[in-house]
Amino acid sequence: MFTVYVYVLDTLADWELGYVTAELNSGRFFKKGAPGVSVKTAGISKRPVKTMGGLTITPDYSIDDIAVNEESVLLLPGANTWDDSAHSAVIEKAGEFLSAGALVCAICGATAALANAGLLDQRRHTSNGVGYLDMVSPRYRGQSFYVDEPSVAESNLITAGSTGALLWAKQIMERLNVFRPDTLDAWYAYFSTGEAQHFLALMQTLPAKE
């Protein structure tokens, strides 16, 4: 059973999490025998936060409640408030995850927070551009490991820029092994192109209902 902890903070970029949380929580396209997945929110505290889209989220857990093991996953979304020092606790937690072999997935502004903490200095990663990380993360030293792609999976770290949410979701689900490969390929093809043929292919890959 994987526990996916979604870090929630004020000004969270709602759209960046939509693909991955919807699929992991619903399990609607999971393969037969897929590992269980529990999606939970975590914040600095259990105080409600307001997303960029104006939605209010009350975290299930505080950071101290997050369990670190190989079946834990930490999702770090973009937001305009990552430069607040209050978020240093979850970045420390991300370091614990990486050291323990647990999966850390960061997108957009969250990558800048990881970069500033030195967690990208020796790992292949991406973001909104290497110049972006140079500008907003003064302690960043990982330029030689930067990959100019929408999303990059490197061992137990998956990073993405602000336009890479769909590929980021695909790489996360691939790492968790919850979809059949042909299901995941059809899912990605459909949502990236909108072509009906891929939706039909997706439906045909699903296990028969018992």
C-alpha atoms as a PDB file:
ATOM      1  CA  MET A   1       0.000   0.000   0.000  1.00  0.00           C
ATOM      2  CA  PHE A   2       1.447   3.337  -1.053  1.00  0.00           C
ATOM      3  CA  THR A   3       0.608   6.435   0.962  1.00  0.00           C
ATOM      4  CA  VAL A   4       0.786   9.555  -1.191  1.00  0.00           C
ATOM      5  CA  TYR A   5       1.241  12.700   0.865  1.00  0.00           C
ATOM      6  CA  VAL A   6       0.233  15.813  -1.068  1.00  0.00           C
ATOM      7  CA  TYR A   7       1.800  18.876   0.505  1.00  0.00           C
ATOM      8  CA  VAL A   8      -0.723  21.716   0.496  1.00  0.00           C
ATOM      9  CA  LEU A   9       0.174  25.358   0.962  1.00  0.00           C
ATOM     10  CA  ASP A  10      -1.375  28.742   0.289  1.00  0.00           C
ATOM     11  CA  THR A  11      -1.440  29.662  -3.439  1.00  0.00           C
ATOM     12  CA  LEU A  12      -1.041  25.987  -4.436  1.00  0.00           C
ATOM     13  CA  ALA A  13      -1.269  25.682  -8.233  1.00  0.00           C
ATOM     14  CA  ASP A  14      -4.429  23.562  -8.462  1.00  0.00           C
ATOM     15  CA  TRP A  15      -4.009  22.389 -12.071  1.00  0.00           C
ATOM     16  CA  GLU A  16      -0.541  20.907 -11.558  1.00  0.00           C
ATOM     17  CA  LEU A  17      -1.892  18.151  -9.310  1.00  0.00           C
ATOM     18  CA  GLY A  18      -5.116  17.362 -11.152  1.00  0.00           C
ATOM     19  CA  TYR A  19      -4.010  14.524 -13.403  1.00  0.00           C
ATOM     20  CA  VAL A  20      -1.992  12.583 -10.861  1.00  0.00           C
ATOM     21  CA  THR A  21      -4.178  12.928  -7.774  1.00  0.00           C
ATOM     22  CA  ALA A  22      -7.375  12.102  -9.680  1.00  0.00           C
ATOM     23  CA  GLU A  23      -5.946   8.881 -11.088  1.00  0.00           C
ATOM     24  CA  LEU A  24      -4.175   7.746  -7.935  1.00  0.00           C
ATOM     25  CA  ASN A  25      -7.185   8.443  -5.727  1.00  0.00           C
ATOM     26  CA  SER A  26      -9.862   6.970  -8.009  1.00  0.00           C
ATOM     27  CA  GLY A  27      -7.877   3.988  -9.290  1.00  0.00           C
ATOM     28  CA  ARG A  28     -10.256   3.956 -12.242  1.00  0.00           C
ATOM     29  CA  PHE A  29      -7.627   2.755 -14.719  1.00  0.00           C
ATOM     30  CA  PHE A  30      -5.517   0.632 -12.365  1.00  0.00           C
ATOM     31  CA  LYS A  31      -4.419  -2.775 -13.557  1.00  0.00           C
ATOM     32  CA  LYS A  32      -5.656  -5.933 -11.902  1.00  0.00           C
ATOM     33  CA  GLY A  33      -3.604  -6.584  -8.787  1.00  0.00           C
ATOM     34  CA  ALA A  34      -2.252  -3.024  -8.620  1.00  0.00           C
ATOM     35  CA  PRO A  35      -0.870  -1.954  -5.250  1.00  0.00           C
ATOM     36  CA  GLY A  36      -3.275   0.026  -3.108  1.00  0.00           C
ATOM     37  CA  VAL A  37      -2.860   3.794  -2.978  1.00  0.00           C
ATOM     38  CA  SER A  38      -4.055   6.148  -0.255  1.00  0.00           C
ATOM     39  CA  VAL A  39      -3.944   9.871  -1.092  1.00  0.00           C
ATOM     40  CA  LYS A  40      -3.661  12.229   1.882  1.00  0.00           C
ATOM     41  CA  THR A  41      -2.965  15.935   2.250  1.00  0.00           C
ATOM     42  CA  ALA A  42      -0.361  17.350   4.609  1.00  0.00           C
ATOM     43  CA  GLY A  43       0.448  20.917   5.589  1.00  0.00           C
ATOM     44  CA  ILE A  44       2.612  22.970   7.913  1.00  0.00           C
ATOM     45  CA  SER A  45      -0.202  22.322  10.354  1.00  0.00           C
ATOM     46  CA  LYS A  46      -3.808  21.272  10.010  1.00  0.00           C
ATOM     47  CA  ARG A  47      -4.794  24.892   9.410  1.00  0.00           C
ATOM     48  CA  PRO A  48      -6.818  25.284   6.181  1.00  0.00           C
ATOM     49  CA  VAL A  49      -4.976  26.675   3.163  1.00  0.00           C
ATOM     50  CA  LYS A  50      -6.348  28.420   0.081  1.00  0.00           C
ATOM     51  CA  THR A  51      -5.219  27.399  -3.383  1.00  0.00           C
ATOM     52  CA  MET A  52      -4.463  29.735  -6.277  1.00  0.00           C
ATOM     53  CA  GLY A  53      -7.885  28.839  -7.629  1.00  0.00           C
ATOM     54  CA  GLY A  54      -9.579  29.929  -4.405  1.00  0.00           C
ATOM     55  CA  LEU A  55     -10.344  26.454  -3.055  1.00  0.00           C
ATOM     56  CA  THR A  56      -9.970  25.813   0.664  1.00  0.00           C
ATOM     57  CA  ILE A  57      -8.189  22.612   1.722  1.00  0.00           C
ATOM     58  CA  THR A  58      -7.940  21.381   5.288  1.00  0.00           C
ATOM     59  CA  PRO A  59      -4.886  19.092   5.553  1.00  0.00           C
ATOM     60  CA  ASP A  60      -5.342  15.536   6.801  1.00  0.00           C
ATOM     61  CA  TYR A  61      -1.929  15.605   8.460  1.00  0.00           C
ATOM     62  CA  SER A  62       0.753  17.966   9.626  1.00  0.00           C
ATOM     63  CA  ILE A  63       4.341  17.474   8.443  1.00  0.00           C
ATOM     64  CA  ASP A  64       5.286  15.704  11.677  1.00  0.00           C
ATOM     65  CA  ASP A  65       2.711  13.002  10.922  1.00  0.00           C
ATOM     66  CA  ILE A  66       4.289  12.017   7.595  1.00  0.00           C
ATOM     67  CA  ALA A  67       5.763   8.502   7.693  1.00  0.00           C
ATOM     68  CA  VAL A  68       9.000   8.001   5.764  1.00  0.00           C
ATOM     69  CA  ASN A  69       9.432   4.577   4.197  1.00  0.00           C
ATOM     70  CA  GLU A  70       9.757   3.028   0.744  1.00  0.00           C
ATOM     71  CA  GLU A  71       5.969   2.957   0.353  1.00  0.00           C
ATOM     72  CA  SER A  72       5.620   6.670   1.040  1.00  0.00           C
ATOM     73  CA  VAL A  73       5.320   9.239  -1.758  1.00  0.00           C
ATOM     74  CA  LEU A  74       5.677  13.003  -1.325  1.00  0.00           C
ATOM     75  CA  LEU A  75       4.044  15.287  -3.907  1.00  0.00           C
ATOM     76  CA  LEU A  76       5.186  18.899  -3.854  1.00  0.00           C
ATOM     77  CA  PRO A  77       3.077  21.232  -6.045  1.00  0.00           C
ATOM     78  CA  GLY A  78       3.916  24.645  -7.366  1.00  0.00           C
ATOM     79  CA  ALA A  79       2.872  27.751  -5.437  1.00  0.00           C
ATOM     80  CA  ASN A  80       3.830  31.409  -5.109  1.00  0.00           C
ATOM     81  CA  THR A  81       4.746  31.001  -1.445  1.00  0.00           C
ATOM     82  CA  TRP A  82       7.662  28.536  -1.511  1.00  0.00           C
ATOM     83  CA  ASP A  83      10.097  31.264  -0.397  1.00  0.00           C
ATOM     84  CA  ASP A  84       8.362  31.333   3.013  1.00  0.00           C
ATOM     85  CA  SER A  85      10.784  29.804   5.536  1.00  0.00           C
ATOM     86  CA  ALA A  86       7.871  27.920   7.113  1.00  0.00           C
ATOM     87  CA  HIS A  87       8.160  25.392   4.269  1.00  0.00           C
ATOM     88  CA  SER A  88      11.720  24.411   5.216  1.00  0.00           C
ATOM     89  CA  ALA A  89      10.287  21.588   7.333  1.00  0.00           C
ATOM     90  CA  VAL A  90       8.759  19.807   4.342  1.00  0.00           C
ATOM     91  CA  ILE A  91      11.960  20.297   2.337  1.00  0.00           C
ATOM     92  CA  GLU A  92      13.853  18.614   5.167  1.00  0.00           C
ATOM     93  CA  LYS A  93      11.262  15.844   4.992  1.00  0.00           C
ATOM     94  CA  ALA A  94      11.895  15.566   1.245  1.00  0.00           C
ATOM     95  CA  GLY A  95      15.569  15.022   1.995  1.00  0.00           C
ATOM     96  CA  GLU A  96      14.622  12.218   4.373  1.00  0.00           C
ATOM     97  CA  PHE A  97      12.460  10.669   1.663  1.00  0.00           C
ATOM     98  CA  LEU A  98      15.266  10.747  -0.881  1.00  0.00           C
ATOM     99  CA  SER A  99      17.742   9.227   1.572  1.00  0.00           C
ATOM    100  CA  ALA A 100      15.284   6.455   2.457  1.00  0.00           C
ATOM    101  CA  GLY A 101      14.575   5.563  -1.190  1.00  0.00           C
ATOM    102  CA  ALA A 102      11.041   6.967  -1.003  1.00  0.00           C
ATOM    103  CA  LEU A 103       9.607   8.817  -3.973  1.00  0.00           C
ATOM    104  CA  VAL A 104       9.665  12.625  -4.109  1.00  0.00           C
ATOM    105  CA  CYS A 105       7.748  14.379  -6.905  1.00  0.00           C
ATOM    106  CA  ALA A 106       8.123  18.141  -7.280  1.00  0.00           C
ATOM    107  CA  ILE A 107       6.761  20.516  -9.894  1.00  0.00           C
ATOM    108  CA  CYS A 108       7.261  24.189 -10.737  1.00  0.00           C
ATOM    109  CA  GLY A 109       8.010  26.323  -7.652  1.00  0.00           C
ATOM    110  CA  ALA A 110       8.610  23.270  -5.495  1.00  0.00           C
ATOM    111  CA  THR A 111      11.667  22.422  -7.604  1.00  0.00           C
ATOM    112  CA  ALA A 112      13.128  25.807  -6.680  1.00  0.00           C
ATOM    113  CA  ALA A 113      12.752  24.996  -2.993  1.00  0.00           C
ATOM    114  CA  LEU A 114      14.543  21.658  -3.504  1.00  0.00           C
ATOM    115  CA  ALA A 115      17.251  23.394  -5.532  1.00  0.00           C
ATOM    116  CA  ASN A 116      17.872  25.990  -2.853  1.00  0.00           C
ATOM    117  CA  ALA A 117      18.285  23.209  -0.279  1.00  0.00           C
ATOM    118  CA  GLY A 118      20.944  21.486  -2.416  1.00  0.00           C
ATOM    119  CA  LEU A 119      18.772  18.462  -3.107  1.00  0.00           C
ATOM    120  CA  LEU A 120      19.148  18.816  -6.895  1.00  0.00           C
ATOM    121  CA  ASP A 121      22.897  19.416  -6.947  1.00  0.00           C
ATOM    122  CA  GLN A 122      23.775  15.784  -7.739  1.00  0.00           C
ATOM    123  CA  ARG A 123      20.542  14.519  -9.328  1.00  0.00           C
ATOM    124  CA  ARG A 124      19.168  14.865 -12.849  1.00  0.00           C
ATOM    125  CA  HIS A 125      16.205  17.220 -12.710  1.00  0.00           C
ATOM    126  CA  THR A 126      14.187  19.854 -14.506  1.00  0.00           C
ATOM    127  CA  SER A 127      12.161  22.950 -13.666  1.00  0.00           C
ATOM    128  CA  ASN A 128      10.953  26.095 -15.427  1.00  0.00           C
ATOM    129  CA  GLY A 129      14.411  26.580 -16.939  1.00  0.00           C
ATOM    130  CA  VAL A 130      17.905  26.544 -15.505  1.00  0.00           C
ATOM    131  CA  GLY A 131      17.831  30.358 -15.527  1.00  0.00           C
ATOM    132  CA  TYR A 132      14.742  30.259 -13.327  1.00  0.00           C
ATOM    133  CA  LEU A 133      16.547  28.167 -10.721  1.00  0.00           C
ATOM    134  CA  ASP A 134      19.601  30.442 -10.906  1.00  0.00           C
ATOM    135  CA  MET A 135      17.344  33.445 -10.316  1.00  0.00           C
ATOM    136  CA  VAL A 136      15.174  32.180  -7.452  1.00  0.00           C
ATOM    137  CA  SER A 137      17.472  29.640  -5.740  1.00  0.00           C
ATOM    138  CA  PRO A 138      20.735  31.379  -4.791  1.00  0.00           C
ATOM    139  CA  ARG A 139      22.254  28.211  -3.283  1.00  0.00           C
ATOM    140  CA  TYR A 140      21.543  26.095  -6.384  1.00  0.00           C
ATOM    141  CA  ARG A 141      24.635  24.308  -7.733  1.00  0.00           C
ATOM    142  CA  GLY A 142      23.044  21.621  -9.904  1.00  0.00           C
ATOM    143  CA  GLN A 143      23.282  23.307 -13.303  1.00  0.00           C
ATOM    144  CA  SER A 144      25.250  20.441 -14.844  1.00  0.00           C
ATOM    145  CA  PHE A 145      22.462  18.011 -13.875  1.00  0.00           C
ATOM    146  CA  TYR A 146      19.684  20.113 -15.394  1.00  0.00           C
ATOM    147  CA  VAL A 147      17.681  18.473 -18.220  1.00  0.00           C
ATOM    148  CA  ASP A 148      15.613  20.682 -20.514  1.00  0.00           C
ATOM    149  CA  GLU A 149      12.495  18.480 -20.624  1.00  0.00           C
ATOM    150  CA  PRO A 150       8.932  18.970 -19.298  1.00  0.00           C
ATOM    151  CA  SER A 151       9.426  16.255 -16.656  1.00  0.00           C
ATOM    152  CA  VAL A 152      12.418  14.158 -15.619  1.00  0.00           C
ATOM    153  CA  ALA A 153      12.400  10.901 -13.647  1.00  0.00           C
ATOM    154  CA  GLU A 154      15.668  10.095 -11.906  1.00  0.00           C
ATOM    155  CA  SER A 155      15.609   7.145  -9.505  1.00  0.00           C
ATOM    156  CA  ASN A 156      13.275   8.204  -6.678  1.00  0.00           C
ATOM    157  CA  LEU A 157      13.023  11.853  -7.743  1.00  0.00           C
ATOM    158  CA  ILE A 158      10.582  13.132 -10.385  1.00  0.00           C
ATOM    159  CA  THR A 159      10.657  16.829 -11.223  1.00  0.00           C
ATOM    160  CA  ALA A 160       8.711  18.929 -13.698  1.00  0.00           C
ATOM    161  CA  GLY A 161       8.270  22.469 -14.919  1.00  0.00           C
ATOM    162  CA  SER A 162       4.965  24.289 -14.803  1.00  0.00           C
ATOM    163  CA  THR A 163       3.895  22.930 -18.211  1.00  0.00           C
ATOM    164  CA  GLY A 164       4.916  19.344 -17.476  1.00  0.00           C
ATOM    165  CA  ALA A 165       2.016  18.203 -15.273  1.00  0.00           C
ATOM    166  CA  LEU A 166       0.747  15.523 -17.658  1.00  0.00           C
ATOM    167  CA  LEU A 167       4.115  13.871 -18.259  1.00  0.00           C
ATOM    168  CA  TRP A 168       4.911  14.235 -14.552  1.00  0.00           C
ATOM    169  CA  ALA A 169       1.716  12.318 -13.728  1.00  0.00           C
ATOM    170  CA  LYS A 170       2.611   9.631 -16.263  1.00  0.00           C
ATOM    171  CA  GLN A 171       6.079   9.173 -14.807  1.00  0.00           C
ATOM    172  CA  ILE A 172       4.735   8.997 -11.264  1.00  0.00           C
ATOM    173  CA  MET A 173       2.168   6.341 -12.166  1.00  0.00           C
ATOM    174  CA  GLU A 174       4.806   4.420 -14.101  1.00  0.00           C
ATOM    175  CA  ARG A 175       7.107   4.467 -11.067  1.00  0.00           C
ATOM    176  CA  LEU A 176       4.292   3.205  -8.800  1.00  0.00           C
ATOM    177  CA  ASN A 177       3.406   0.472 -11.313  1.00  0.00           C
ATOM    178  CA  VAL A 178      -0.350   0.920 -10.955  1.00  0.00           C
ATOM    179  CA  PHE A 179      -1.212   0.920 -14.691  1.00  0.00           C
ATOM    180  CA  ARG A 180      -0.516  -1.679 -17.329  1.00  0.00           C
ATOM    181  CA  PRO A 181       2.073  -0.229 -19.762  1.00  0.00           C
ATOM    182  CA  ASP A 182      -0.412  -0.206 -22.651  1.00  0.00           C
ATOM    183  CA  THR A 183      -3.036   1.481 -20.447  1.00  0.00           C
ATOM    184  CA  LEU A 184      -0.574   4.173 -19.430  1.00  0.00           C
ATOM    185  CA  ASP A 185       0.532   4.754 -23.030  1.00  0.00           C
ATOM    186  CA  ALA A 186      -3.082   5.093 -24.210  1.00  0.00           C
ATOM    187  CA  TRP A 187      -3.964   7.339 -21.253  1.00  0.00           C
ATOM    188  CA  TYR A 188      -1.073   9.662 -22.007  1.00  0.00           C
ATOM    189  CA  ALA A 189      -1.773   9.672 -25.741  1.00  0.00           C
ATOM    190  CA  TYR A 190      -5.419  10.566 -25.187  1.00  0.00           C
ATOM    191  CA  PHE A 191      -4.836  13.384 -22.720  1.00  0.00           C
ATOM    192  CA  SER A 192      -1.942  14.826 -24.701  1.00  0.00           C
ATOM    193  CA  THR A 193      -3.713  14.759 -28.104  1.00  0.00           C
ATOM    194  CA  GLY A 194      -7.451  14.606 -27.417  1.00  0.00           C
ATOM    195  CA  GLU A 195      -7.860  12.064 -30.222  1.00  0.00           C
ATOM    196  CA  ALA A 196     -10.791   9.697 -29.697  1.00  0.00           C
ATOM    197  CA  GLN A 197      -8.878   6.700 -31.012  1.00  0.00           C
ATOM    198  CA  HIS A 198      -6.649   6.788 -27.953  1.00  0.00           C
ATOM    199  CA  PHE A 199      -9.634   6.873 -25.608  1.00  0.00           C
ATOM    200  CA  LEU A 200     -10.992   3.744 -27.265  1.00  0.00           C
ATOM    201  CA  ALA A 201      -7.585   2.103 -26.970  1.00  0.00           C
ATOM    202  CA  LEU A 202      -7.516   3.066 -23.295  1.00  0.00           C
ATOM    203  CA  MET A 203     -10.891   1.445 -22.644  1.00  0.00           C
ATOM    204  CA  GLN A 204      -9.791  -1.741 -24.394  1.00  0.00           C
ATOM    205  CA  THR A 205      -6.807  -2.151 -22.086  1.00  0.00           C
ATOM    206  CA  LEU A 206      -8.867  -2.202 -18.896  1.00  0.00           C
ATOM    207  CA  PRO A 207      -9.538  -5.446 -17.058  1.00  0.00           C
ATOM    208  CA  ALA A 208     -12.938  -7.020 -17.660  1.00  0.00           C
ATOM    209  CA  LYS A 209     -15.511  -6.356 -14.965  1.00  0.00           C
ATOM    210  CA  GLU A 210     -16.260  -9.414 -12.905  1.00  0.00           C
END
